[in-house]
């Protein structure tokens, strides 16, 4: 446990007025949406979103690949290693393709690179106990 890092987090307004037990509960609550690296191939897209929905998205992307170089290359990568749908550039490209894709379709692809975690997990603490919170709050620098 990185108590120095935990102490800094506990000084945020969200946690500063809470008891040790309540701060631990708040830190362990699974309520933080984060992006993560997830390489999605065409096959994985179809498996995750369903064959019909996945195929519709792939068809639309293939339709603009000849005129949009980034999509052309993304489609090539999707045949082999996949594209990282958690990467900021990929997510921006999907946003820019709304019009070719529906907003629902773009969001569905982006959701493959998102997960909901606790603040404790996001910070790398694992599960935080009230005792850990107390230890961090009383530690001396």
N, C-alpha and C. Protein backbone atom coordinates (compact mmCIF):
# COMPACT_ATOMS: atom_id res chain seq x y z
N UNK A 1 0.84 -1.19 0.00
CA UNK A 1 0.00 0.00 0.00
C UNK A 1 0.88 1.24 0.00
N UNK A 2 0.59 2.15 -0.88
CA UNK A 2 1.30 3.42 -0.94
C UNK A 2 0.53 4.41 -0.07
N UNK A 3 0.89 4.44 1.23
CA UNK A 3 0.17 5.28 2.19
C UNK A 3 0.32 6.77 1.89
N UNK A 4 1.47 7.16 1.36
CA UNK A 4 1.67 8.58 1.02
C UNK A 4 0.68 9.00 -0.07
N UNK A 5 0.51 8.16 -1.08
CA UNK A 5 -0.43 8.46 -2.15
C UNK A 5 -1.87 8.44 -1.63
N UNK A 6 -2.18 7.46 -0.77
CA UNK A 6 -3.52 7.38 -0.18
C UNK A 6 -3.81 8.63 0.64
N UNK A 7 -2.83 9.11 1.37
CA UNK A 7 -3.02 10.31 2.19
C UNK A 7 -3.38 11.51 1.32
N UNK A 8 -2.73 11.63 0.18
CA UNK A 8 -3.02 12.74 -0.75
C UNK A 8 -4.46 12.62 -1.26
N UNK A 9 -4.88 11.43 -1.65
CA UNK A 9 -6.24 11.22 -2.14
C UNK A 9 -7.25 11.56 -1.05
N UNK A 10 -6.96 11.16 0.18
CA UNK A 10 -7.88 11.40 1.30
C UNK A 10 -8.04 12.87 1.63
N UNK A 11 -7.13 13.71 1.16
CA UNK A 11 -7.23 15.15 1.40
C UNK A 11 -8.16 15.84 0.41
N UNK A 12 -8.62 15.10 -0.60
CA UNK A 12 -9.57 15.67 -1.56
C UNK A 12 -10.90 15.91 -0.84
N UNK A 13 -11.65 16.93 -1.25
CA UNK A 13 -12.92 17.25 -0.59
C UNK A 13 -13.89 16.07 -0.51
N UNK A 14 -13.86 15.19 -1.49
CA UNK A 14 -14.76 14.04 -1.49
C UNK A 14 -14.59 13.17 -0.25
N UNK A 15 -13.36 13.06 0.25
CA UNK A 15 -13.06 12.14 1.35
C UNK A 15 -12.69 12.82 2.66
N UNK A 16 -12.32 14.09 2.61
CA UNK A 16 -11.74 14.75 3.78
C UNK A 16 -12.69 14.83 4.98
N UNK A 17 -13.97 14.96 4.76
CA UNK A 17 -14.90 15.08 5.89
C UNK A 17 -15.50 13.76 6.34
N UNK A 18 -15.07 12.67 5.75
CA UNK A 18 -15.66 11.37 6.08
C UNK A 18 -14.88 10.66 7.19
N UNK A 19 -15.57 9.81 7.91
CA UNK A 19 -14.88 8.95 8.88
C UNK A 19 -13.99 7.98 8.12
N UNK A 20 -13.11 7.32 8.83
CA UNK A 20 -12.23 6.34 8.18
C UNK A 20 -13.05 5.25 7.48
N UNK A 21 -14.08 4.76 8.14
CA UNK A 21 -14.91 3.69 7.57
C UNK A 21 -15.65 4.19 6.33
N UNK A 22 -16.24 5.39 6.42
CA UNK A 22 -16.98 5.94 5.28
C UNK A 22 -16.05 6.27 4.11
N UNK A 23 -14.85 6.74 4.41
CA UNK A 23 -13.88 7.02 3.35
C UNK A 23 -13.49 5.72 2.65
N UNK A 24 -13.30 4.65 3.40
CA UNK A 24 -12.96 3.35 2.80
C UNK A 24 -14.10 2.88 1.90
N UNK A 25 -15.33 3.02 2.39
CA UNK A 25 -16.49 2.62 1.58
C UNK A 25 -16.54 3.44 0.28
N UNK A 26 -16.32 4.74 0.40
CA UNK A 26 -16.35 5.61 -0.79
C UNK A 26 -15.23 5.25 -1.76
N UNK A 27 -14.05 4.96 -1.25
CA UNK A 27 -12.92 4.60 -2.11
C UNK A 27 -13.15 3.27 -2.82
N UNK A 28 -13.87 2.36 -2.18
CA UNK A 28 -14.11 1.03 -2.75
C UNK A 28 -15.36 0.95 -3.61
N UNK A 29 -16.15 2.03 -3.65
CA UNK A 29 -17.36 2.05 -4.47
C UNK A 29 -16.98 1.98 -5.95
N UNK A 30 -17.61 1.10 -6.65
CA UNK A 30 -17.33 0.92 -8.08
C UNK A 30 -18.18 1.94 -8.84
N UNK A 31 -17.57 3.12 -9.09
CA UNK A 31 -18.33 4.21 -9.69
C UNK A 31 -17.49 5.13 -10.59
N UNK A 32 -16.29 4.69 -10.93
CA UNK A 32 -15.40 5.51 -11.76
C UNK A 32 -15.30 4.88 -13.16
N UNK A 33 -15.73 5.60 -14.18
CA UNK A 33 -15.62 5.10 -15.54
C UNK A 33 -14.23 5.46 -16.08
N UNK A 34 -13.51 4.46 -16.53
CA UNK A 34 -12.16 4.68 -17.07
C UNK A 34 -12.01 3.96 -18.40
N UNK A 35 -11.12 4.47 -19.21
CA UNK A 35 -10.79 3.78 -20.45
C UNK A 35 -9.61 2.85 -20.20
N UNK A 36 -9.53 1.81 -20.99
CA UNK A 36 -8.41 0.89 -20.89
C UNK A 36 -8.04 0.39 -22.28
N UNK A 37 -6.83 -0.11 -22.40
CA UNK A 37 -6.36 -0.62 -23.68
C UNK A 37 -7.11 -1.91 -24.01
N UNK A 38 -7.75 -1.93 -25.16
CA UNK A 38 -8.46 -3.12 -25.62
C UNK A 38 -8.39 -3.15 -27.14
N UNK A 39 -7.61 -4.07 -27.65
CA UNK A 39 -7.46 -4.21 -29.10
C UNK A 39 -8.60 -5.06 -29.64
N UNK A 40 -9.41 -4.44 -30.50
CA UNK A 40 -10.60 -5.08 -31.02
C UNK A 40 -10.40 -5.39 -32.49
N UNK A 41 -10.54 -6.66 -32.82
CA UNK A 41 -10.50 -7.09 -34.22
C UNK A 41 -11.93 -7.07 -34.76
N UNK A 42 -12.07 -7.28 -36.07
CA UNK A 42 -13.40 -7.34 -36.67
C UNK A 42 -14.19 -8.50 -36.05
N UNK A 43 -13.55 -9.63 -35.85
CA UNK A 43 -14.23 -10.78 -35.25
C UNK A 43 -14.68 -10.48 -33.82
N UNK A 44 -13.83 -9.81 -33.05
CA UNK A 44 -14.18 -9.47 -31.68
C UNK A 44 -15.31 -8.45 -31.64
N UNK A 45 -15.29 -7.49 -32.57
CA UNK A 45 -16.36 -6.51 -32.65
C UNK A 45 -17.70 -7.20 -32.88
N UNK A 46 -17.73 -8.15 -33.80
CA UNK A 46 -18.96 -8.88 -34.08
C UNK A 46 -19.38 -9.73 -32.89
N UNK A 47 -18.42 -10.34 -32.22
CA UNK A 47 -18.75 -11.18 -31.07
C UNK A 47 -19.28 -10.34 -29.92
N UNK A 48 -18.66 -9.20 -29.66
CA UNK A 48 -19.04 -8.35 -28.53
C UNK A 48 -20.33 -7.58 -28.75
N UNK A 49 -20.55 -7.10 -29.98
CA UNK A 49 -21.73 -6.28 -30.26
C UNK A 49 -22.86 -7.06 -30.91
N UNK A 50 -22.61 -8.30 -31.23
CA UNK A 50 -23.60 -9.11 -31.95
C UNK A 50 -23.30 -9.08 -33.43
N UNK A 51 -23.53 -10.20 -34.07
CA UNK A 51 -23.18 -10.32 -35.49
C UNK A 51 -23.82 -9.29 -36.38
N UNK A 52 -25.10 -9.03 -36.19
CA UNK A 52 -25.81 -8.09 -37.07
C UNK A 52 -25.30 -6.66 -36.83
N UNK A 53 -25.24 -6.24 -35.57
CA UNK A 53 -24.79 -4.88 -35.26
C UNK A 53 -23.32 -4.69 -35.64
N UNK A 54 -22.50 -5.66 -35.30
CA UNK A 54 -21.08 -5.57 -35.63
C UNK A 54 -20.86 -5.52 -37.13
N UNK A 55 -21.58 -6.36 -37.87
CA UNK A 55 -21.44 -6.37 -39.33
C UNK A 55 -21.89 -5.05 -39.92
N UNK A 56 -22.95 -4.47 -39.39
CA UNK A 56 -23.44 -3.18 -39.90
C UNK A 56 -22.39 -2.09 -39.71
N UNK A 57 -21.75 -2.08 -38.56
CA UNK A 57 -20.68 -1.09 -38.30
C UNK A 57 -19.52 -1.31 -39.24
N UNK A 58 -19.09 -2.55 -39.40
CA UNK A 58 -17.97 -2.85 -40.29
C UNK A 58 -18.29 -2.48 -41.73
N UNK A 59 -19.51 -2.73 -42.17
CA UNK A 59 -19.91 -2.36 -43.54
C UNK A 59 -19.84 -0.85 -43.74
N UNK A 60 -20.32 -0.10 -42.76
CA UNK A 60 -20.28 1.36 -42.87
C UNK A 60 -18.84 1.87 -42.91
N UNK A 61 -17.99 1.30 -42.06
CA UNK A 61 -16.59 1.71 -42.05
C UNK A 61 -15.90 1.35 -43.35
N UNK A 62 -16.18 0.17 -43.84
CA UNK A 62 -15.58 -0.26 -45.11
C UNK A 62 -16.04 0.66 -46.25
N UNK A 63 -17.26 1.16 -46.15
CA UNK A 63 -17.80 2.05 -47.18
C UNK A 63 -17.06 3.38 -47.28
N UNK A 64 -16.49 3.87 -46.18
CA UNK A 64 -15.77 5.14 -46.22
C UNK A 64 -14.25 4.94 -46.24
N UNK A 65 -13.80 3.72 -46.16
CA UNK A 65 -12.35 3.45 -46.11
C UNK A 65 -11.61 3.98 -47.33
N UNK A 66 -12.25 3.97 -48.48
CA UNK A 66 -11.58 4.44 -49.70
C UNK A 66 -11.33 5.94 -49.69
N UNK A 67 -12.13 6.69 -48.92
CA UNK A 67 -11.98 8.15 -48.91
C UNK A 67 -11.42 8.70 -47.60
N UNK A 68 -11.33 7.88 -46.59
CA UNK A 68 -10.80 8.32 -45.30
C UNK A 68 -9.62 7.42 -44.93
N UNK A 69 -8.38 7.91 -45.15
CA UNK A 69 -7.20 7.08 -44.93
C UNK A 69 -7.12 6.46 -43.53
N UNK A 70 -7.50 7.19 -42.51
CA UNK A 70 -7.43 6.64 -41.15
C UNK A 70 -8.33 5.42 -41.01
N UNK A 71 -9.48 5.47 -41.63
CA UNK A 71 -10.41 4.33 -41.58
C UNK A 71 -9.86 3.17 -42.40
N UNK A 72 -9.24 3.48 -43.54
CA UNK A 72 -8.64 2.42 -44.37
C UNK A 72 -7.62 1.63 -43.56
N UNK A 73 -6.76 2.35 -42.84
CA UNK A 73 -5.73 1.67 -42.05
C UNK A 73 -6.33 0.97 -40.84
N UNK A 74 -7.30 1.58 -40.22
CA UNK A 74 -7.95 0.94 -39.07
C UNK A 74 -8.58 -0.38 -39.49
N UNK A 75 -9.21 -0.40 -40.65
CA UNK A 75 -9.83 -1.64 -41.14
C UNK A 75 -8.78 -2.71 -41.39
N UNK A 76 -7.62 -2.31 -41.90
CA UNK A 76 -6.54 -3.29 -42.10
C UNK A 76 -6.07 -3.85 -40.76
N UNK A 77 -5.92 -2.96 -39.76
CA UNK A 77 -5.48 -3.41 -38.44
C UNK A 77 -6.52 -4.32 -37.79
N UNK A 78 -7.80 -4.03 -38.05
CA UNK A 78 -8.87 -4.84 -37.46
C UNK A 78 -8.89 -6.26 -38.01
N UNK A 79 -8.29 -6.46 -39.16
CA UNK A 79 -8.21 -7.81 -39.73
C UNK A 79 -7.15 -8.65 -39.00
N UNK A 80 -6.17 -7.98 -38.39
CA UNK A 80 -5.06 -8.71 -37.76
C UNK A 80 -5.06 -8.54 -36.25
N UNK A 81 -4.40 -7.50 -35.77
CA UNK A 81 -4.18 -7.30 -34.34
C UNK A 81 -5.28 -6.48 -33.66
N UNK A 82 -6.10 -5.81 -34.43
CA UNK A 82 -7.16 -4.98 -33.88
C UNK A 82 -6.72 -3.55 -33.65
N UNK A 83 -7.69 -2.71 -33.31
CA UNK A 83 -7.42 -1.32 -32.97
C UNK A 83 -7.75 -1.13 -31.50
N UNK A 84 -6.99 -0.27 -30.84
CA UNK A 84 -7.18 -0.02 -29.41
C UNK A 84 -8.33 0.97 -29.23
N UNK A 85 -9.50 0.46 -28.85
CA UNK A 85 -10.68 1.31 -28.71
C UNK A 85 -10.65 2.12 -27.42
N UNK A 86 -9.66 1.91 -26.58
CA UNK A 86 -9.48 2.73 -25.40
C UNK A 86 -8.56 3.92 -25.64
N UNK A 87 -7.87 3.94 -26.76
CA UNK A 87 -6.91 5.00 -27.07
C UNK A 87 -7.65 6.28 -27.47
N UNK A 88 -7.16 7.40 -27.00
CA UNK A 88 -7.81 8.69 -27.24
C UNK A 88 -7.97 9.00 -28.73
N UNK A 89 -6.98 8.68 -29.54
CA UNK A 89 -7.06 8.97 -30.98
C UNK A 89 -8.14 8.11 -31.65
N UNK A 90 -8.23 6.85 -31.27
CA UNK A 90 -9.26 5.98 -31.83
C UNK A 90 -10.64 6.49 -31.44
N UNK A 91 -10.78 6.89 -30.19
CA UNK A 91 -12.06 7.39 -29.69
C UNK A 91 -12.45 8.69 -30.41
N UNK A 92 -11.48 9.55 -30.66
CA UNK A 92 -11.74 10.79 -31.39
C UNK A 92 -12.15 10.48 -32.83
N UNK A 93 -11.50 9.50 -33.44
CA UNK A 93 -11.86 9.11 -34.80
C UNK A 93 -13.30 8.60 -34.84
N UNK A 94 -13.68 7.78 -33.87
CA UNK A 94 -15.06 7.27 -33.83
C UNK A 94 -16.05 8.42 -33.68
N UNK A 95 -15.71 9.39 -32.84
CA UNK A 95 -16.59 10.56 -32.69
C UNK A 95 -16.72 11.33 -34.00
N UNK A 96 -15.61 11.44 -34.73
CA UNK A 96 -15.65 12.18 -36.00
C UNK A 96 -16.42 11.43 -37.09
N UNK A 97 -16.64 10.15 -36.88
CA UNK A 97 -17.35 9.34 -37.87
C UNK A 97 -18.87 9.29 -37.63
N UNK A 98 -19.32 10.00 -36.59
CA UNK A 98 -20.77 10.06 -36.39
C UNK A 98 -21.35 10.82 -37.58
N UNK A 99 -22.27 10.21 -38.22
CA UNK A 99 -22.79 10.66 -39.52
C UNK A 99 -22.67 9.49 -40.47
N UNK A 100 -21.48 8.86 -40.45
CA UNK A 100 -21.30 7.58 -41.14
C UNK A 100 -21.87 6.50 -40.22
N UNK A 101 -21.44 6.54 -38.96
CA UNK A 101 -21.99 5.68 -37.92
C UNK A 101 -23.03 6.49 -37.16
N UNK A 102 -23.97 5.81 -36.55
CA UNK A 102 -24.86 6.52 -35.64
C UNK A 102 -24.11 6.78 -34.34
N UNK A 103 -24.61 7.71 -33.53
CA UNK A 103 -23.98 7.97 -32.23
C UNK A 103 -24.02 6.71 -31.38
N UNK A 104 -25.09 5.95 -31.46
CA UNK A 104 -25.23 4.71 -30.69
C UNK A 104 -24.16 3.71 -31.12
N UNK A 105 -23.90 3.60 -32.41
CA UNK A 105 -22.87 2.68 -32.90
C UNK A 105 -21.48 3.10 -32.45
N UNK A 106 -21.17 4.39 -32.59
CA UNK A 106 -19.86 4.89 -32.16
C UNK A 106 -19.68 4.66 -30.67
N UNK A 107 -20.71 4.95 -29.89
CA UNK A 107 -20.63 4.75 -28.44
C UNK A 107 -20.47 3.28 -28.08
N UNK A 108 -21.11 2.40 -28.83
CA UNK A 108 -21.00 0.97 -28.57
C UNK A 108 -19.58 0.48 -28.79
N UNK A 109 -18.94 0.95 -29.84
CA UNK A 109 -17.55 0.57 -30.10
C UNK A 109 -16.64 1.14 -29.01
N UNK A 110 -16.84 2.40 -28.66
CA UNK A 110 -16.02 3.02 -27.61
C UNK A 110 -16.22 2.32 -26.27
N UNK A 111 -17.42 1.84 -26.00
CA UNK A 111 -17.70 1.17 -24.72
C UNK A 111 -16.85 -0.09 -24.55
N UNK A 112 -16.36 -0.65 -25.64
CA UNK A 112 -15.49 -1.83 -25.55
C UNK A 112 -14.14 -1.47 -24.91
N UNK A 113 -13.83 -0.20 -24.82
CA UNK A 113 -12.59 0.26 -24.20
C UNK A 113 -12.84 1.00 -22.89
N UNK A 114 -13.98 0.73 -22.26
CA UNK A 114 -14.33 1.38 -21.00
C UNK A 114 -14.70 0.32 -19.96
N UNK A 115 -14.43 0.65 -18.71
CA UNK A 115 -14.90 -0.19 -17.62
C UNK A 115 -15.14 0.70 -16.41
N UNK A 116 -15.92 0.20 -15.49
CA UNK A 116 -16.23 0.93 -14.27
C UNK A 116 -15.46 0.27 -13.13
N UNK A 117 -14.70 1.08 -12.41
CA UNK A 117 -13.86 0.59 -11.32
C UNK A 117 -14.04 1.49 -10.09
N UNK A 118 -13.48 1.08 -8.99
CA UNK A 118 -13.48 1.92 -7.80
C UNK A 118 -12.33 2.91 -7.89
N UNK A 119 -12.42 3.97 -7.11
CA UNK A 119 -11.31 4.92 -7.05
C UNK A 119 -10.07 4.22 -6.52
N UNK A 120 -10.26 3.32 -5.56
CA UNK A 120 -9.13 2.57 -4.99
C UNK A 120 -8.43 1.75 -6.07
N UNK A 121 -9.21 1.09 -6.92
CA UNK A 121 -8.62 0.30 -8.01
C UNK A 121 -7.94 1.21 -9.02
N UNK A 122 -8.59 2.32 -9.34
CA UNK A 122 -8.03 3.27 -10.30
C UNK A 122 -6.67 3.78 -9.83
N UNK A 123 -6.52 4.00 -8.54
CA UNK A 123 -5.26 4.51 -7.98
C UNK A 123 -4.24 3.41 -7.72
N UNK A 124 -4.65 2.14 -7.87
CA UNK A 124 -3.73 1.03 -7.65
C UNK A 124 -3.64 0.58 -6.20
N UNK A 125 -4.64 0.92 -5.38
CA UNK A 125 -4.62 0.55 -3.97
C UNK A 125 -5.18 -0.84 -3.70
N UNK A 126 -5.99 -1.37 -4.60
CA UNK A 126 -6.71 -2.59 -4.28
C UNK A 126 -7.88 -2.24 -3.38
N UNK A 127 -8.26 -3.17 -2.51
CA UNK A 127 -9.36 -2.90 -1.57
C UNK A 127 -8.80 -2.14 -0.36
N UNK A 128 -9.44 -1.04 0.00
CA UNK A 128 -8.97 -0.19 1.10
C UNK A 128 -9.85 -0.44 2.32
N UNK A 129 -9.21 -0.66 3.46
CA UNK A 129 -9.94 -0.85 4.72
C UNK A 129 -9.95 0.46 5.51
N UNK A 130 -10.85 0.52 6.49
CA UNK A 130 -10.90 1.68 7.38
C UNK A 130 -9.57 1.85 8.10
N UNK A 131 -8.94 0.75 8.47
CA UNK A 131 -7.64 0.82 9.16
C UNK A 131 -6.58 1.44 8.25
N UNK A 132 -6.60 1.09 6.99
CA UNK A 132 -5.65 1.68 6.04
C UNK A 132 -5.86 3.18 5.93
N UNK A 133 -7.14 3.60 5.89
CA UNK A 133 -7.45 5.02 5.82
C UNK A 133 -6.89 5.71 7.06
N UNK A 134 -7.15 5.13 8.22
CA UNK A 134 -6.65 5.71 9.47
C UNK A 134 -5.13 5.80 9.49
N UNK A 135 -4.47 4.74 9.05
CA UNK A 135 -3.01 4.74 8.98
C UNK A 135 -2.50 5.86 8.07
N UNK A 136 -3.12 6.01 6.92
CA UNK A 136 -2.68 7.04 5.97
C UNK A 136 -2.90 8.44 6.54
N UNK A 137 -4.04 8.62 7.19
CA UNK A 137 -4.35 9.94 7.73
C UNK A 137 -3.40 10.34 8.88
N UNK A 138 -2.91 9.38 9.63
CA UNK A 138 -2.06 9.70 10.80
C UNK A 138 -0.58 9.60 10.51
N UNK A 139 -0.24 9.17 9.31
CA UNK A 139 1.20 9.02 9.02
C UNK A 139 1.90 10.37 9.00
N UNK A 140 3.09 10.36 9.44
CA UNK A 140 3.92 11.58 9.47
C UNK A 140 4.85 11.55 8.26
N UNK A 141 5.10 12.69 7.69
CA UNK A 141 5.99 12.77 6.53
C UNK A 141 7.40 12.73 6.97
